[in-house]
Amino acid sequence: MATKMRLQRFGKKGRPFYHIVIADGRAPRDVRFIEKIGTYNPVHNPAEIDLKFEKALDWLQKGAQPTDTVKNILSYKGVLYKHHLLKGVRKGAMTEAQAEAKFQKWLTEKEAKIEAKRKSIEESDRNTHKANIEAETKIKEAREAELNKRRQAEEDAKVEAAKDAANAIAAQEAEKVSEEVAEKIETVEAPEAKAEETVEEKTEEAPEVKEEKVEAVEEKTDDTPEAKEEKAEAVEEKTEDAPKAEAEENKETKEETSK
């Protein structure tokens, strides 16, 4: 019976996981297998391979044909090299001890290479992780700086708004005070203006009164000679009429006495 060493797929999409099985080469891909000899997980780096070494070597010696992927797995684990050494022992090219010594030497070298690769991968992973952390911290710091700038800008805007409000309130209060002062000045200036107006009126009336007085005085001064003449004439008339009146009175008294 033609047998094959193939992979049987399991796992979710994007995260495959395989079983290494021995199956009939003429059967469809995912039919019932003969024997499971290991597992293969390619997700990890390096890939995880769990293989039953002796079982795989036995089936390989029986004539089972591995697929390409399984052949790479067997080469990686040293099954193909061991199979080659055993062929040399059967042909008499070397003894089993020599073949085993060569295989152990190869195995130690292979394990050293695998370990070095694992360490380099781990180191690169650590460096990558460190770089990612540094990048994330830088991004976080940049975001924090941006947030701080925004907060500072908001605080500055609030302070500026408060200053503007305070200045506006102060300006309103100053306007009110100036208006009150202006009103007080107007109320103080109003009586002064009235007093000035009355003083001006008085000063304007005073010359008129003086002029009237002057005119009256002039009239008096103008009338005094005529008045004096009239008085003199009246006195003269009285002096002239006085003897006549006395004579008449004497006549009357005489007449009365004669009677």
Protein backbone atom coordinates (compact mmCIF):
# COMPACT_ATOMS: atom_id res chain seq x y z
CA MET A 1 0.00 0.00 0.00
CA ALA A 2 1.37 3.39 -1.02
CA THR A 3 1.47 5.57 2.06
CA LYS A 4 2.15 9.27 2.39
CA MET A 5 3.38 11.44 5.20
CA ARG A 6 1.24 14.54 4.94
CA LEU A 7 -0.21 17.44 6.98
CA GLN A 8 -3.78 17.57 8.16
CA ARG A 9 -4.96 21.12 8.74
CA PHE A 10 -6.66 22.35 11.90
CA GLY A 11 -7.01 25.73 13.55
CA LYS A 12 -8.79 28.96 12.73
CA LYS A 13 -8.36 31.14 9.68
CA GLY A 14 -5.07 32.98 9.85
CA ARG A 15 -3.79 30.74 12.67
CA PRO A 16 -3.22 27.31 11.12
CA PHE A 17 -2.25 24.24 13.11
CA TYR A 18 -1.31 20.94 11.48
CA HIS A 19 -1.14 17.28 12.39
CA ILE A 20 1.60 15.16 10.78
CA VAL A 21 -0.11 11.95 9.79
CA ILE A 22 0.49 8.76 7.82
CA ALA A 23 -2.34 8.26 5.33
CA ASP A 24 -3.16 6.29 2.20
CA GLY A 25 -1.67 8.08 -0.80
CA ARG A 26 -4.69 7.24 -2.99
CA ALA A 27 -7.23 8.61 -0.49
CA PRO A 28 -8.61 12.17 -0.52
CA ARG A 29 -6.87 14.78 1.51
CA ASP A 30 -8.82 14.90 4.77
CA VAL A 31 -9.97 11.29 5.04
CA ARG A 32 -9.25 8.92 7.91
CA PHE A 33 -5.47 8.67 8.50
CA ILE A 34 -3.46 5.61 9.54
CA GLU A 35 -1.34 7.10 12.30
CA LYS A 36 -0.52 10.50 13.78
CA ILE A 37 3.23 11.00 14.26
CA GLY A 38 3.43 14.68 15.33
CA THR A 39 2.19 18.26 15.16
CA TYR A 40 3.37 21.39 13.36
CA ASN A 41 2.60 24.99 14.38
CA PRO A 42 3.95 27.55 11.87
CA VAL A 43 2.49 30.53 13.71
CA HIS A 44 5.38 30.70 16.17
CA ASN A 45 8.86 31.82 15.18
CA PRO A 46 10.71 29.52 15.02
CA ALA A 47 7.99 27.05 14.19
CA GLU A 48 7.00 24.57 16.85
CA ILE A 49 7.47 20.94 15.76
CA ASP A 50 6.56 18.03 17.94
CA LEU A 51 7.60 14.85 16.10
CA LYS A 52 7.84 11.21 17.07
CA PHE A 53 11.36 10.69 15.72
CA GLU A 54 11.48 6.88 15.75
CA LYS A 55 7.96 6.51 14.27
CA ALA A 56 8.80 8.96 11.47
CA LEU A 57 12.12 7.13 10.77
CA ASP A 58 10.35 3.75 10.76
CA TRP A 59 7.67 4.88 8.28
CA LEU A 60 10.36 6.50 6.13
CA GLN A 61 12.30 3.21 6.05
CA LYS A 62 9.08 1.37 5.13
CA GLY A 63 8.75 3.54 2.02
CA ALA A 64 6.28 6.25 3.05
CA GLN A 65 6.66 9.27 0.79
CA PRO A 66 6.60 12.66 2.55
CA THR A 67 5.10 15.74 0.97
CA ASP A 68 7.35 18.77 0.44
CA THR A 69 6.41 20.44 3.71
CA VAL A 70 6.74 17.20 5.69
CA LYS A 71 10.08 16.52 3.98
CA ASN A 72 11.35 19.94 5.17
CA ILE A 73 10.12 19.12 8.67
CA LEU A 74 11.92 15.75 8.67
CA SER A 75 15.09 17.41 7.43
CA TYR A 76 14.83 20.07 10.12
CA LYS A 77 14.47 17.45 12.83
CA GLY A 78 17.28 15.20 11.40
CA VAL A 79 15.11 12.25 10.38
CA LEU A 80 16.33 12.34 6.77
CA TYR A 81 19.97 12.57 7.87
CA LYS A 82 19.57 9.60 10.21
CA HIS A 83 17.88 7.65 7.43
CA HIS A 84 20.84 8.46 5.16
CA LEU A 85 23.37 7.30 7.79
CA LEU A 86 21.49 4.04 8.32
CA LYS A 87 21.62 3.39 4.58
CA GLY A 88 25.40 3.78 4.80
CA VAL A 89 25.51 1.31 7.69
CA ARG A 90 23.50 -1.22 5.69
CA LYS A 91 25.87 -0.80 2.77
CA GLY A 92 28.85 -1.23 5.10
CA ALA A 93 30.24 2.28 4.59
CA MET A 94 30.35 2.85 8.32
CA THR A 95 29.42 1.24 11.59
CA GLU A 96 26.38 2.05 13.67
CA ALA A 97 28.62 3.76 16.28
CA GLN A 98 30.17 6.00 13.66
CA ALA A 99 26.75 6.77 12.26
CA GLU A 100 25.44 7.58 15.75
CA ALA A 101 28.47 9.81 16.51
CA LYS A 102 27.98 11.71 13.27
CA PHE A 103 24.29 12.13 14.00
CA GLN A 104 24.90 13.38 17.56
CA LYS A 105 27.48 15.85 16.27
CA TRP A 106 25.04 17.10 13.67
CA LEU A 107 22.26 17.25 16.27
CA THR A 108 24.31 19.36 18.69
CA GLU A 109 25.28 21.73 15.90
CA LYS A 110 21.68 21.90 14.76
CA GLU A 111 20.42 22.57 18.26
CA ALA A 112 23.07 25.29 18.69
CA LYS A 113 21.94 26.90 15.45
CA ILE A 114 18.32 26.64 16.52
CA GLU A 115 19.13 28.14 19.93
CA ALA A 116 21.11 30.97 18.34
CA LYS A 117 18.24 31.64 15.98
CA ARG A 118 15.78 31.56 18.86
CA LYS A 119 17.93 34.02 20.85
CA SER A 120 18.32 36.33 17.88
CA ILE A 121 14.58 36.21 17.31
CA GLU A 122 13.94 36.90 20.99
CA GLU A 123 16.45 39.75 20.91
CA SER A 124 14.86 41.21 17.82
CA ASP A 125 11.45 40.79 19.41
CA ARG A 126 12.69 42.57 22.53
CA ASN A 127 14.21 45.35 20.44
CA THR A 128 11.05 45.61 18.40
CA HIS A 129 8.98 45.66 21.56
CA LYS A 130 11.27 48.29 23.08
CA ALA A 131 11.11 50.37 19.91
CA ASN A 132 7.34 50.04 19.90
CA ILE A 133 7.19 51.11 23.54
CA GLU A 134 9.47 54.07 22.83
CA ALA A 135 7.37 55.03 19.83
CA GLU A 136 4.21 54.69 21.89
CA THR A 137 5.73 56.78 24.70
CA LYS A 138 6.78 59.43 22.17
CA ILE A 139 3.30 59.42 20.69
CA LYS A 140 1.81 59.57 24.16
CA GLU A 141 4.14 62.42 25.13
CA ALA A 142 3.28 64.24 21.92
CA ARG A 143 -0.42 63.77 22.63
CA GLU A 144 0.05 64.93 26.21
CA ALA A 145 2.03 67.93 24.99
CA GLU A 146 -0.72 68.71 22.49
CA LEU A 147 -3.35 68.32 25.20
CA ASN A 148 -1.31 70.52 27.52
CA LYS A 149 -1.05 73.12 24.77
CA ARG A 150 -4.79 72.97 24.22
CA ARG A 151 -5.44 73.18 27.94
CA GLN A 152 -2.98 76.06 28.27
CA ALA A 153 -4.60 77.78 25.31
CA GLU A 154 -8.04 77.27 26.87
CA GLU A 155 -6.78 78.59 30.20
CA ASP A 156 -5.16 81.56 28.46
CA ALA A 157 -8.39 82.18 26.59
CA LYS A 158 -10.34 82.02 29.85
CA VAL A 159 -7.88 84.39 31.52
CA GLU A 160 -8.04 86.71 28.53
CA ALA A 161 -11.84 86.56 28.57
CA ALA A 162 -11.83 87.30 32.30
CA LYS A 163 -9.47 90.24 31.69
CA ASP A 164 -11.69 91.51 28.89
CA ALA A 165 -14.75 91.16 31.11
CA ALA A 166 -12.97 92.96 33.95
CA ASN A 167 -11.84 95.69 31.58
CA ALA A 168 -15.36 96.00 30.21
CA ILE A 169 -16.79 96.23 33.74
CA ALA A 170 -14.12 98.77 34.67
CA ALA A 171 -14.90 100.76 31.53
CA GLN A 172 -18.62 100.69 32.35
CA GLU A 173 -17.93 101.79 35.90
CA ALA A 174 -15.62 104.52 34.61
CA GLU A 175 -18.34 105.66 32.21
CA LYS A 176 -20.87 105.70 35.03
CA VAL A 177 -18.48 107.65 37.25
CA SER A 178 -17.72 110.09 34.44
CA GLU A 179 -21.44 110.50 33.77
CA GLU A 180 -22.11 111.10 37.46
CA VAL A 181 -19.24 113.59 37.62
CA ALA A 182 -20.55 115.30 34.49
CA GLU A 183 -24.04 115.49 36.00
CA LYS A 184 -22.61 116.92 39.21
CA ILE A 185 -20.57 119.42 37.22
CA GLU A 186 -23.68 120.38 35.26
CA THR A 187 -25.68 120.77 38.47
CA VAL A 188 -22.88 122.91 39.93
CA GLU A 189 -22.43 124.96 36.77
CA ALA A 190 -26.17 125.59 36.38
CA PRO A 191 -26.47 127.89 39.47
CA GLU A 192 -23.21 129.55 38.51
CA ALA A 193 -24.56 130.19 35.05
CA LYS A 194 -27.78 131.55 36.54
CA ALA A 195 -25.78 133.74 38.90
CA GLU A 196 -23.67 134.95 36.01
CA GLU A 197 -26.83 135.65 34.01
CA THR A 198 -28.35 137.61 36.92
CA VAL A 199 -25.09 139.47 37.41
CA GLU A 200 -24.97 140.23 33.71
CA GLU A 201 -28.60 141.36 33.80
CA LYS A 202 -27.86 143.54 36.78
CA THR A 203 -24.76 144.89 35.12
CA GLU A 204 -26.83 145.55 32.01
CA GLU A 205 -29.64 147.19 34.02
CA ALA A 206 -27.28 149.24 36.14
CA PRO A 207 -26.06 151.43 33.28
CA GLU A 208 -29.66 151.97 32.24
CA VAL A 209 -30.60 153.06 35.75
CA LYS A 210 -27.56 155.29 35.86
CA GLU A 211 -28.50 156.72 32.52
CA GLU A 212 -32.03 157.39 33.79
CA LYS A 213 -30.64 159.02 36.90
CA VAL A 214 -28.25 161.04 34.81
CA GLU A 215 -31.12 162.10 32.59
CA ALA A 216 -33.17 163.00 35.64
CA VAL A 217 -30.27 164.95 37.06
CA GLU A 218 -29.77 166.66 33.74
CA GLU A 219 -33.44 167.53 33.66
CA LYS A 220 -33.17 168.93 37.14
CA THR A 221 -30.06 170.84 36.24
CA ASP A 222 -31.78 172.12 33.15
CA ASP A 223 -34.92 173.18 35.07
CA THR A 224 -33.25 174.98 37.98
CA PRO A 225 -32.73 178.42 36.31
CA GLU A 226 -36.34 178.56 35.11
CA ALA A 227 -37.59 177.41 38.48
CA LYS A 228 -35.53 180.08 40.14
CA GLU A 229 -36.94 182.71 37.81
CA GLU A 230 -40.49 181.49 38.47
CA LYS A 231 -39.87 181.56 42.21
CA ALA A 232 -38.45 185.02 41.95
CA GLU A 233 -41.45 186.20 39.98
CA ALA A 234 -43.80 184.62 42.52
CA VAL A 235 -41.97 186.33 45.36
CA GLU A 236 -42.15 189.62 43.58
CA GLU A 237 -45.85 189.17 42.98
CA LYS A 238 -46.37 188.38 46.62
CA THR A 239 -44.38 191.39 47.68
CA GLU A 240 -46.39 193.54 45.32
CA ASP A 241 -49.74 192.15 46.44
CA ALA A 242 -48.94 192.27 50.14
CA PRO A 243 -49.41 196.12 50.62
CA LYS A 244 -52.60 195.96 48.63
CA ALA A 245 -53.98 193.20 50.84
CA GLU A 246 -53.02 195.11 53.94
CA ALA A 247 -54.66 198.27 52.68
CA GLU A 248 -57.86 196.42 51.89
CA GLU A 249 -57.87 194.84 55.32
CA ASN A 250 -57.37 198.23 56.97
CA LYS A 251 -60.30 199.68 55.00
CA GLU A 252 -62.53 196.86 56.04
CA THR A 253 -61.63 197.29 59.70
CA LYS A 254 -62.29 200.99 59.48
CA GLU A 255 -65.67 200.49 57.92
CA GLU A 256 -66.64 198.08 60.59
CA THR A 257 -65.61 200.46 63.33
CA SER A 258 -67.53 203.33 61.79
CA LYS A 259 -70.61 201.35 61.73
